[in-house]
Amino acid sequence: MSLKRYLKLSFAVLSSIFLTSCYVSPPPVYQLSPVPDSGIWWSGKQYAADSTNGISTFVAYQRSDRHHLIFEVEFTNQSEEQVLVSPEDFYYLPLQSAEDTVSQREVHALNPETELLEIDKSLSREHASYATHTAIDLTVSLLDLVLAIVSPDDAASYEERLAWEVNRADYQQLHQARVSELKGLREEWEFETLRKTTMNPGEQIRGRVYFPITKQAQFIELVLPIGRHPITLIFKQIKHRAS
């Protein structure tokens, strides 16, 4: 076997090993449905309904991402009093059966206000990092300009300047993509999630609520503390492997 052919074969084998060792398995997909299976269907979603304390409630499981279970929740205040809705107070109890009453570990919903604050911090850090990078880049360019005047032989070559320009353009695109991603995430948390709201009589609110995933749970008991008594709903959880 020639050396060239041997090197090609070795490269192919090593590449295969590398790709196999670096394979990242896709996260499982979770599907939740109300228990008992008697909810109202609308646009492919099954809503669990409840009416307690004059609060009409509809809850549907929407989807899961890598870390969260996402629910769509709707409340209508049919009472004669103001009602405070605080999604950060919502939680669920992970259960092994629909009749399980042993689990007392509360898994609380994410607080939209906290998430928005963290996104704003990330945007601030991103802008500061880009400004610092730009200032350093400008300083290097000015030094190179001075060096080109004082000592032309020591100045950067055309190839080096071209590489700087390419790197500058790549970093700018990366910065813009990161800012766009964070702004899109902020809009989602600001306008699509359920946020802390005081409902007057006759008012209705709707939005998404995010909960951390409990992988081992077979059922979850969703607890929504609103009004004088919490609203409790049971959902069955099924884990589907994506691979």
Protein backbone atom coordinates (compact mmCIF):
# COMPACT_ATOMS: atom_id res chain seq x y z
CA MET A 1 0.00 0.00 0.00
CA SER A 2 1.39 3.39 -0.96
CA LEU A 3 2.01 6.00 1.72
CA LYS A 4 -0.53 8.35 0.14
CA ARG A 5 -3.25 5.71 0.14
CA TYR A 6 -2.34 4.69 3.70
CA LEU A 7 -2.67 8.30 4.91
CA LYS A 8 -6.06 8.69 3.21
CA LEU A 9 -7.33 5.47 4.79
CA SER A 10 -6.01 6.50 8.21
CA PHE A 11 -7.67 9.90 7.90
CA ALA A 12 -11.02 8.28 6.99
CA VAL A 13 -10.85 5.92 9.98
CA LEU A 14 -9.86 8.67 12.41
CA SER A 15 -12.61 10.95 11.09
CA SER A 16 -15.19 8.20 11.58
CA ILE A 17 -14.01 7.61 15.16
CA PHE A 18 -14.03 11.33 15.88
CA LEU A 19 -17.54 11.85 14.52
CA THR A 20 -18.84 8.83 16.45
CA SER A 21 -17.29 9.97 19.72
CA CYS A 22 -18.63 13.51 19.24
CA TYR A 23 -22.20 12.45 18.43
CA VAL A 24 -24.71 14.28 20.58
CA SER A 25 -27.94 12.37 21.03
CA PRO A 26 -31.13 14.40 20.50
CA PRO A 27 -33.11 15.23 23.66
CA PRO A 28 -36.33 13.30 24.26
CA VAL A 29 -39.69 14.84 23.39
CA TYR A 30 -42.30 15.01 26.14
CA GLN A 31 -46.04 14.74 25.61
CA LEU A 32 -48.53 15.56 28.38
CA SER A 33 -52.28 15.08 28.41
CA PRO A 34 -54.96 15.85 31.05
CA VAL A 35 -56.20 13.16 33.44
CA PRO A 36 -58.95 12.13 33.10
CA ASP A 37 -58.84 12.20 29.30
CA SER A 38 -61.87 14.45 28.96
CA GLY A 39 -60.49 17.87 28.15
CA ILE A 40 -61.67 20.27 25.46
CA TRP A 41 -59.85 20.10 22.11
CA TRP A 42 -58.96 23.25 20.17
CA SER A 43 -56.50 23.52 17.27
CA GLY A 44 -54.85 20.22 18.12
CA LYS A 45 -54.45 20.99 21.83
CA GLN A 46 -56.32 19.31 24.65
CA TYR A 47 -57.31 21.77 27.37
CA ALA A 48 -57.99 20.81 30.97
CA ALA A 49 -60.78 23.01 32.35
CA ASP A 50 -61.60 24.13 35.88
CA SER A 51 -63.84 26.68 37.55
CA THR A 52 -62.96 27.46 41.16
CA ASN A 53 -63.51 30.61 43.22
CA GLY A 54 -65.18 32.25 40.23
CA ILE A 55 -62.00 31.79 38.14
CA SER A 56 -62.48 30.00 34.82
CA THR A 57 -59.27 28.16 33.91
CA PHE A 58 -58.09 26.42 30.74
CA VAL A 59 -54.66 24.76 30.60
CA ALA A 60 -53.10 22.98 27.62
CA TYR A 61 -49.69 21.42 27.27
CA GLN A 62 -47.97 23.05 24.31
CA ARG A 63 -44.52 21.48 23.85
CA SER A 64 -41.16 20.79 25.45
CA ASP A 65 -37.73 22.17 24.69
CA ARG A 66 -34.43 20.80 25.97
CA HIS A 67 -35.04 21.94 29.55
CA HIS A 68 -38.70 22.96 29.92
CA LEU A 69 -42.31 21.86 29.78
CA ILE A 70 -44.36 24.65 28.21
CA PHE A 71 -48.04 25.14 29.00
CA GLU A 72 -50.62 27.53 27.59
CA VAL A 73 -52.84 28.96 30.33
CA GLU A 74 -55.98 31.08 30.18
CA PHE A 75 -57.82 32.66 33.13
CA THR A 76 -61.13 34.53 33.20
CA ASN A 77 -62.14 36.38 36.36
CA GLN A 78 -65.86 35.68 36.78
CA SER A 79 -65.87 36.70 40.43
CA GLU A 80 -66.76 40.07 41.94
CA GLU A 81 -63.23 40.71 43.23
CA GLN A 82 -59.81 41.55 41.87
CA VAL A 83 -57.57 38.48 41.50
CA LEU A 84 -53.75 38.49 41.41
CA VAL A 85 -52.15 36.02 39.01
CA SER A 86 -48.47 35.33 39.78
CA PRO A 87 -47.02 32.65 37.46
CA GLU A 88 -43.85 32.42 39.57
CA ASP A 89 -46.07 30.92 42.31
CA PHE A 90 -47.26 28.11 40.02
CA TYR A 91 -45.67 24.70 40.57
CA TYR A 92 -46.17 21.01 39.98
CA LEU A 93 -45.57 17.86 41.98
CA PRO A 94 -43.85 15.02 40.05
CA LEU A 95 -45.77 11.77 40.59
CA GLN A 96 -45.40 8.11 39.68
CA SER A 97 -49.16 7.53 39.34
CA ALA A 98 -52.31 9.63 39.09
CA GLU A 99 -53.22 8.62 42.66
CA ASP A 100 -49.73 9.24 44.06
CA THR A 101 -49.73 11.60 47.06
CA VAL A 102 -46.20 10.92 48.28
CA SER A 103 -44.20 13.44 46.27
CA GLN A 104 -43.98 16.82 47.95
CA ARG A 105 -41.13 18.22 45.84
CA GLU A 106 -42.43 21.42 44.31
CA VAL A 107 -41.10 22.26 40.84
CA HIS A 108 -41.81 25.96 40.36
CA ALA A 109 -42.48 27.79 37.11
CA LEU A 110 -39.88 30.16 35.75
CA ASN A 111 -40.39 33.80 36.70
CA PRO A 112 -40.77 35.88 33.48
CA GLU A 113 -39.43 39.01 35.20
CA THR A 114 -36.26 37.17 36.25
CA GLU A 115 -35.80 35.77 32.74
CA LEU A 116 -36.22 39.23 31.20
CA LEU A 117 -33.64 40.66 33.61
CA GLU A 118 -31.13 37.95 32.70
CA ILE A 119 -31.69 38.58 28.98
CA ASP A 120 -31.13 42.31 29.50
CA LYS A 121 -27.89 41.52 31.35
CA SER A 122 -26.76 39.29 28.48
CA LEU A 123 -27.54 42.04 25.96
CA SER A 124 -25.58 44.54 28.04
CA ARG A 125 -22.57 42.19 28.24
CA GLU A 126 -22.75 41.49 24.50
CA HIS A 127 -22.77 45.20 23.61
CA ALA A 128 -19.90 45.90 26.04
CA SER A 129 -17.85 43.01 24.63
CA TYR A 130 -18.41 44.25 21.07
CA ALA A 131 -17.50 47.82 22.02
CA THR A 132 -14.28 46.59 23.68
CA HIS A 133 -13.38 44.46 20.67
CA THR A 134 -14.05 47.38 18.32
CA ALA A 135 -11.91 49.75 20.42
CA ILE A 136 -9.01 47.28 20.43
CA ASP A 137 -9.38 46.74 16.69
CA LEU A 138 -9.34 50.49 16.07
CA THR A 139 -6.22 50.89 18.24
CA VAL A 140 -4.40 48.15 16.33
CA SER A 141 -5.38 49.77 13.01
CA LEU A 142 -4.08 53.17 14.13
CA LEU A 143 -0.81 51.66 15.34
CA ASP A 144 -0.38 49.91 12.02
CA LEU A 145 -1.03 53.19 10.19
CA VAL A 146 1.62 54.95 12.28
CA LEU A 147 4.04 52.09 11.73
CA ALA A 148 3.44 52.23 7.97
CA ILE A 149 4.55 55.90 8.03
CA VAL A 150 7.48 55.55 10.42
CA SER A 151 8.79 52.13 9.37
CA PRO A 152 7.08 50.81 6.22
CA ASP A 153 9.06 47.57 6.26
CA ASP A 154 7.61 46.60 9.66
CA ALA A 155 3.99 47.42 8.82
CA ALA A 156 1.39 44.72 8.24
CA SER A 157 1.32 43.13 4.82
CA TYR A 158 -1.63 43.23 2.48
CA GLU A 159 -2.50 39.63 3.42
CA GLU A 160 -2.43 40.46 7.14
CA ARG A 161 -4.68 43.50 6.65
CA LEU A 162 -7.07 41.39 4.59
CA ALA A 163 -7.19 38.77 7.37
CA TRP A 164 -7.99 41.52 9.90
CA GLU A 165 -10.85 42.75 7.74
CA VAL A 166 -12.25 39.24 7.39
CA ASN A 167 -12.02 38.65 11.13
CA ARG A 168 -13.65 42.02 11.82
CA ALA A 169 -16.55 41.22 9.47
CA ASP A 170 -16.99 37.73 10.98
CA TYR A 171 -17.05 39.12 14.52
CA GLN A 172 -19.56 41.79 13.54
CA GLN A 173 -21.87 39.17 11.99
CA LEU A 174 -21.54 37.01 15.11
CA HIS A 175 -22.39 39.99 17.30
CA GLN A 176 -25.43 40.91 15.21
CA ALA A 177 -26.67 37.30 15.24
CA ARG A 178 -26.28 37.09 19.01
CA VAL A 179 -28.10 40.41 19.57
CA SER A 180 -30.90 39.33 17.22
CA GLU A 181 -31.25 36.02 19.07
CA LEU A 182 -31.42 37.72 22.48
CA LYS A 183 -33.93 40.32 21.28
CA GLY A 184 -36.14 37.59 19.82
CA LEU A 185 -35.97 35.69 23.11
CA ARG A 186 -36.82 38.87 24.99
CA GLU A 187 -39.88 39.51 22.82
CA GLU A 188 -41.06 35.97 23.49
CA TRP A 189 -40.78 36.40 27.26
CA GLU A 190 -42.24 39.91 27.19
CA PHE A 191 -45.28 39.33 24.97
CA GLU A 192 -46.02 35.58 24.83
CA THR A 193 -45.57 34.41 28.43
CA LEU A 194 -48.07 34.81 31.25
CA ARG A 195 -46.86 37.66 33.48
CA LYS A 196 -47.88 38.89 36.90
CA THR A 197 -51.25 40.59 36.49
CA THR A 198 -54.10 41.86 38.63
CA MET A 199 -57.34 40.81 36.94
CA ASN A 200 -60.43 42.92 37.49
CA PRO A 201 -63.89 41.27 37.40
CA GLY A 202 -64.71 40.18 33.84
CA GLU A 203 -61.10 40.36 32.59
CA GLN A 204 -59.23 37.56 30.86
CA ILE A 205 -55.49 36.86 30.47
CA ARG A 206 -53.59 34.23 28.52
CA GLY A 207 -49.97 33.19 28.02
CA ARG A 208 -47.28 30.54 28.25
CA VAL A 209 -45.84 29.15 31.46
CA TYR A 210 -42.46 27.39 31.57
CA PHE A 211 -41.59 24.63 34.05
CA PRO A 212 -38.32 22.70 34.45
CA ILE A 213 -38.59 19.10 33.24
CA THR A 214 -38.65 16.20 35.68
CA LYS A 215 -37.57 13.30 33.49
CA GLN A 216 -38.60 10.49 35.85
CA ALA A 217 -42.17 11.69 36.45
CA GLN A 218 -45.01 9.58 35.06
CA PHE A 219 -47.63 12.15 36.05
CA ILE A 220 -47.54 15.71 37.31
CA GLU A 221 -49.97 17.48 39.61
CA LEU A 222 -50.15 21.07 38.40
CA VAL A 223 -50.95 23.55 41.18
CA LEU A 224 -52.02 27.12 40.32
CA PRO A 225 -52.46 29.26 43.47
CA ILE A 226 -55.11 31.82 42.50
CA GLY A 227 -57.73 33.33 44.75
CA ARG A 228 -58.64 31.67 48.01
CA HIS A 229 -58.00 28.07 46.91
CA PRO A 230 -55.38 26.68 44.50
CA ILE A 231 -56.46 25.15 41.20
CA THR A 232 -55.16 21.59 40.82
CA LEU A 233 -54.90 19.61 37.57
CA ILE A 234 -53.34 16.23 36.78
CA PHE A 235 -51.39 15.52 33.57
CA LYS A 236 -49.92 12.26 32.31
CA GLN A 237 -46.36 12.57 31.02
CA ILE A 238 -44.99 10.38 28.22
CA LYS A 239 -41.35 10.57 27.13
CA HIS A 240 -40.61 9.88 23.44
CA ARG A 241 -37.04 9.21 22.39
CA ALA A 242 -36.03 11.19 19.32
CA SER A 243 -33.30 8.78 18.21
